[in-house]
N, C-alpha and C. Protein backbone atom coordinates (compact mmCIF):
# COMPACT_ATOMS: atom_id res chain seq x y z
N MET A 1 -28.28 10.10 -78.56
CA MET A 1 -28.43 10.12 -77.12
C MET A 1 -27.33 9.17 -76.52
N LEU A 2 -26.77 9.65 -75.43
CA LEU A 2 -25.67 8.91 -74.79
C LEU A 2 -26.28 7.75 -73.95
N LYS A 3 -25.54 6.64 -73.94
CA LYS A 3 -26.03 5.48 -73.16
C LYS A 3 -25.42 5.46 -71.77
N LEU A 4 -26.26 5.30 -70.78
CA LEU A 4 -25.79 5.18 -69.39
C LEU A 4 -25.26 3.79 -69.18
N PRO A 5 -24.25 3.63 -68.34
CA PRO A 5 -23.74 2.28 -68.09
C PRO A 5 -24.71 1.55 -67.08
N VAL A 6 -24.55 0.24 -67.08
CA VAL A 6 -25.29 -0.60 -66.13
C VAL A 6 -24.48 -0.63 -64.86
N ILE A 7 -25.09 -0.15 -63.80
CA ILE A 7 -24.35 -0.02 -62.50
C ILE A 7 -25.17 -0.65 -61.43
N LYS A 8 -24.49 -1.37 -60.59
CA LYS A 8 -25.15 -1.93 -59.34
C LYS A 8 -25.11 -0.91 -58.24
N GLY A 9 -25.96 -1.03 -57.24
CA GLY A 9 -26.04 -0.07 -56.15
C GLY A 9 -24.73 0.13 -55.42
N LYS A 10 -24.04 -0.95 -55.04
CA LYS A 10 -22.81 -0.82 -54.33
C LYS A 10 -21.72 -0.10 -55.15
N GLU A 11 -21.68 -0.37 -56.45
CA GLU A 11 -20.67 0.29 -57.32
C GLU A 11 -21.04 1.75 -57.45
N LEU A 12 -22.26 2.14 -57.55
CA LEU A 12 -22.68 3.56 -57.64
C LEU A 12 -22.30 4.33 -56.32
N ILE A 13 -22.46 3.65 -55.22
CA ILE A 13 -22.05 4.28 -53.94
C ILE A 13 -20.58 4.51 -53.89
N LYS A 14 -19.78 3.53 -54.31
CA LYS A 14 -18.32 3.67 -54.29
C LYS A 14 -17.87 4.84 -55.25
N PHE A 15 -18.58 4.88 -56.43
CA PHE A 15 -18.26 5.93 -57.37
C PHE A 15 -18.56 7.35 -56.75
N LEU A 16 -19.72 7.43 -56.17
CA LEU A 16 -20.15 8.68 -55.55
C LEU A 16 -19.21 9.08 -54.43
N GLU A 17 -18.77 8.16 -53.64
CA GLU A 17 -17.77 8.45 -52.56
C GLU A 17 -16.42 8.93 -53.19
N SER A 18 -16.06 8.42 -54.40
CA SER A 18 -14.83 8.85 -55.03
C SER A 18 -14.94 10.28 -55.55
N ILE A 19 -16.14 10.79 -55.74
CA ILE A 19 -16.29 12.18 -56.26
C ILE A 19 -16.71 13.12 -55.12
N GLY A 20 -16.59 12.70 -53.85
CA GLY A 20 -16.83 13.64 -52.76
C GLY A 20 -18.06 13.40 -51.94
N PHE A 21 -18.89 12.42 -52.23
CA PHE A 21 -20.06 12.17 -51.45
C PHE A 21 -19.74 11.29 -50.27
N ARG A 22 -20.45 11.42 -49.14
CA ARG A 22 -20.21 10.59 -47.99
C ARG A 22 -21.58 10.04 -47.53
N ALA A 23 -21.60 8.74 -47.15
CA ALA A 23 -22.78 8.11 -46.70
C ALA A 23 -23.12 8.77 -45.34
N THR A 24 -24.39 9.26 -45.21
CA THR A 24 -24.82 9.85 -43.99
C THR A 24 -25.73 8.96 -43.17
N ARG A 25 -26.49 8.09 -43.87
CA ARG A 25 -27.32 7.20 -43.13
C ARG A 25 -27.79 6.06 -44.03
N MET A 26 -28.33 4.99 -43.39
CA MET A 26 -28.80 3.85 -44.14
C MET A 26 -30.11 3.48 -43.48
N LYS A 27 -31.16 3.25 -44.29
CA LYS A 27 -32.42 2.83 -43.73
C LYS A 27 -32.88 1.67 -44.67
N GLY A 28 -32.92 0.49 -44.15
CA GLY A 28 -33.27 -0.68 -44.91
C GLY A 28 -32.17 -0.93 -46.00
N SER A 29 -32.61 -0.96 -47.25
CA SER A 29 -31.69 -1.26 -48.29
C SER A 29 -31.32 0.02 -49.05
N HIS A 30 -31.59 1.21 -48.47
CA HIS A 30 -31.33 2.47 -49.14
C HIS A 30 -30.25 3.27 -48.34
N VAL A 31 -29.27 3.76 -49.14
CA VAL A 31 -28.15 4.56 -48.52
C VAL A 31 -28.30 6.02 -48.97
N ARG A 32 -28.24 6.91 -48.00
CA ARG A 32 -28.36 8.35 -48.25
C ARG A 32 -26.96 8.90 -48.27
N LEU A 33 -26.62 9.63 -49.35
CA LEU A 33 -25.29 10.22 -49.47
C LEU A 33 -25.42 11.70 -49.60
N ARG A 34 -24.44 12.47 -49.07
CA ARG A 34 -24.45 13.92 -49.12
C ARG A 34 -23.06 14.38 -49.45
N SER A 35 -22.94 15.47 -50.24
CA SER A 35 -21.67 16.11 -50.55
C SER A 35 -21.43 17.33 -49.67
N GLU A 36 -20.24 17.84 -49.70
CA GLU A 36 -19.84 19.04 -48.95
C GLU A 36 -20.72 20.22 -49.28
N ASP A 37 -21.09 20.30 -50.61
CA ASP A 37 -21.84 21.50 -51.08
C ASP A 37 -23.36 21.34 -50.89
N GLY A 38 -23.81 20.31 -50.21
CA GLY A 38 -25.19 20.17 -49.93
C GLY A 38 -26.02 19.29 -50.83
N ARG A 39 -25.44 18.85 -51.90
CA ARG A 39 -26.22 17.90 -52.80
C ARG A 39 -26.37 16.58 -52.05
N ALA A 40 -27.52 15.97 -52.29
CA ALA A 40 -27.81 14.69 -51.61
C ALA A 40 -28.58 13.79 -52.54
N THR A 41 -28.39 12.48 -52.36
CA THR A 41 -29.08 11.49 -53.15
C THR A 41 -29.31 10.20 -52.32
N THR A 42 -30.24 9.40 -52.74
CA THR A 42 -30.47 8.12 -52.12
C THR A 42 -30.27 7.04 -53.16
N VAL A 43 -29.50 6.04 -52.80
CA VAL A 43 -29.21 4.95 -53.69
C VAL A 43 -29.73 3.64 -53.16
N PRO A 44 -30.55 2.87 -53.86
CA PRO A 44 -30.99 1.55 -53.40
C PRO A 44 -29.94 0.50 -53.58
N MET A 45 -29.82 -0.36 -52.61
CA MET A 45 -28.91 -1.52 -52.72
C MET A 45 -29.77 -2.75 -52.53
N HIS A 46 -30.45 -3.18 -53.57
CA HIS A 46 -31.35 -4.31 -53.52
C HIS A 46 -30.59 -5.55 -54.01
N GLY A 47 -29.82 -6.14 -53.08
CA GLY A 47 -29.08 -7.34 -53.41
C GLY A 47 -28.04 -7.02 -54.49
N ASN A 48 -28.05 -7.81 -55.57
CA ASN A 48 -27.10 -7.67 -56.65
C ASN A 48 -27.74 -7.15 -57.84
N LYS A 49 -28.85 -6.43 -57.71
CA LYS A 49 -29.61 -5.85 -58.87
C LYS A 49 -29.02 -4.54 -59.35
N ASP A 50 -29.15 -4.31 -60.69
CA ASP A 50 -28.74 -3.14 -61.31
C ASP A 50 -29.68 -1.94 -60.93
N ILE A 51 -29.10 -0.74 -60.98
CA ILE A 51 -29.92 0.43 -60.78
C ILE A 51 -30.69 0.68 -62.08
N PRO A 52 -32.03 0.84 -62.03
CA PRO A 52 -32.79 1.05 -63.31
C PRO A 52 -32.33 2.35 -64.03
N LYS A 53 -32.35 2.31 -65.36
CA LYS A 53 -31.84 3.41 -66.15
C LYS A 53 -32.57 4.75 -65.82
N GLY A 54 -33.81 4.71 -65.62
CA GLY A 54 -34.57 5.92 -65.31
C GLY A 54 -34.11 6.48 -63.98
N LEU A 55 -33.93 5.69 -62.98
CA LEU A 55 -33.46 6.17 -61.64
C LEU A 55 -32.04 6.69 -61.74
N LEU A 56 -31.18 6.07 -62.47
CA LEU A 56 -29.81 6.51 -62.59
C LEU A 56 -29.82 7.92 -63.30
N CYS A 57 -30.66 8.02 -64.34
CA CYS A 57 -30.76 9.34 -65.04
C CYS A 57 -31.25 10.39 -64.05
N LYS A 58 -32.19 10.12 -63.25
CA LYS A 58 -32.71 11.04 -62.23
C LYS A 58 -31.68 11.45 -61.24
N ILE A 59 -30.90 10.44 -60.76
CA ILE A 59 -29.87 10.74 -59.80
C ILE A 59 -28.78 11.66 -60.40
N VAL A 60 -28.37 11.41 -61.63
CA VAL A 60 -27.37 12.18 -62.30
C VAL A 60 -27.89 13.62 -62.53
N ARG A 61 -29.06 13.78 -63.15
CA ARG A 61 -29.56 15.11 -63.52
C ARG A 61 -29.99 15.94 -62.33
N GLU A 62 -30.83 15.35 -61.49
CA GLU A 62 -31.47 16.15 -60.40
C GLU A 62 -30.70 16.15 -59.09
N ASP A 63 -30.15 15.05 -58.69
CA ASP A 63 -29.46 14.95 -57.41
C ASP A 63 -27.99 15.38 -57.52
N LEU A 64 -27.32 14.89 -58.48
CA LEU A 64 -25.88 15.26 -58.64
C LEU A 64 -25.73 16.64 -59.33
N GLU A 65 -26.77 17.04 -60.04
CA GLU A 65 -26.84 18.28 -60.75
C GLU A 65 -25.70 18.43 -61.77
N ILE A 66 -25.43 17.36 -62.51
CA ILE A 66 -24.40 17.40 -63.56
C ILE A 66 -25.05 16.82 -64.82
N SER A 67 -24.43 17.05 -65.97
CA SER A 67 -24.95 16.50 -67.21
C SER A 67 -24.56 15.04 -67.37
N ILE A 68 -25.25 14.36 -68.25
CA ILE A 68 -24.96 12.94 -68.53
C ILE A 68 -23.57 12.81 -69.05
N GLU A 69 -23.13 13.82 -69.87
CA GLU A 69 -21.77 13.75 -70.45
C GLU A 69 -20.69 13.81 -69.36
N LYS A 70 -20.89 14.77 -68.43
CA LYS A 70 -19.96 14.93 -67.35
C LYS A 70 -19.95 13.66 -66.47
N PHE A 71 -21.10 13.08 -66.16
CA PHE A 71 -21.17 11.87 -65.41
C PHE A 71 -20.42 10.72 -66.09
N LEU A 72 -20.57 10.57 -67.39
CA LEU A 72 -19.90 9.49 -68.12
C LEU A 72 -18.40 9.74 -68.12
N GLU A 73 -18.00 11.02 -68.20
CA GLU A 73 -16.52 11.34 -68.13
C GLU A 73 -15.92 10.98 -66.78
N LEU A 74 -16.65 11.33 -65.68
CA LEU A 74 -16.15 11.08 -64.38
C LEU A 74 -16.15 9.55 -64.12
N TYR A 75 -17.18 8.87 -64.60
CA TYR A 75 -17.29 7.40 -64.38
C TYR A 75 -16.20 6.70 -65.15
N ALA A 76 -15.88 7.16 -66.36
CA ALA A 76 -14.81 6.53 -67.19
C ALA A 76 -13.45 6.67 -66.42
N ARG A 77 -13.23 7.82 -65.78
CA ARG A 77 -12.00 7.98 -65.00
C ARG A 77 -11.98 7.09 -63.77
N TYR A 78 -13.13 6.91 -63.19
CA TYR A 78 -13.23 6.03 -62.01
C TYR A 78 -12.95 4.62 -62.32
N LYS A 79 -13.45 4.12 -63.43
CA LYS A 79 -13.22 2.78 -63.87
C LYS A 79 -11.83 2.52 -64.21
């Protein structure tokens, strides 16, 4: 099984913006992002805390609708 990286909320938002998502709104410590093709996700920014692995996996599979492998490839290019 592939290992997901440890990512903070702000870093995940910057990465998502680099692949075409745009922040549409912010409510409290949660940022809602949407892409041109209609995909949307919500990312928590709780201080300097990391995104939990389960939530990151859910965002990648269900919200971004890409495989873990594709996410890791895109994230490696971003870094």
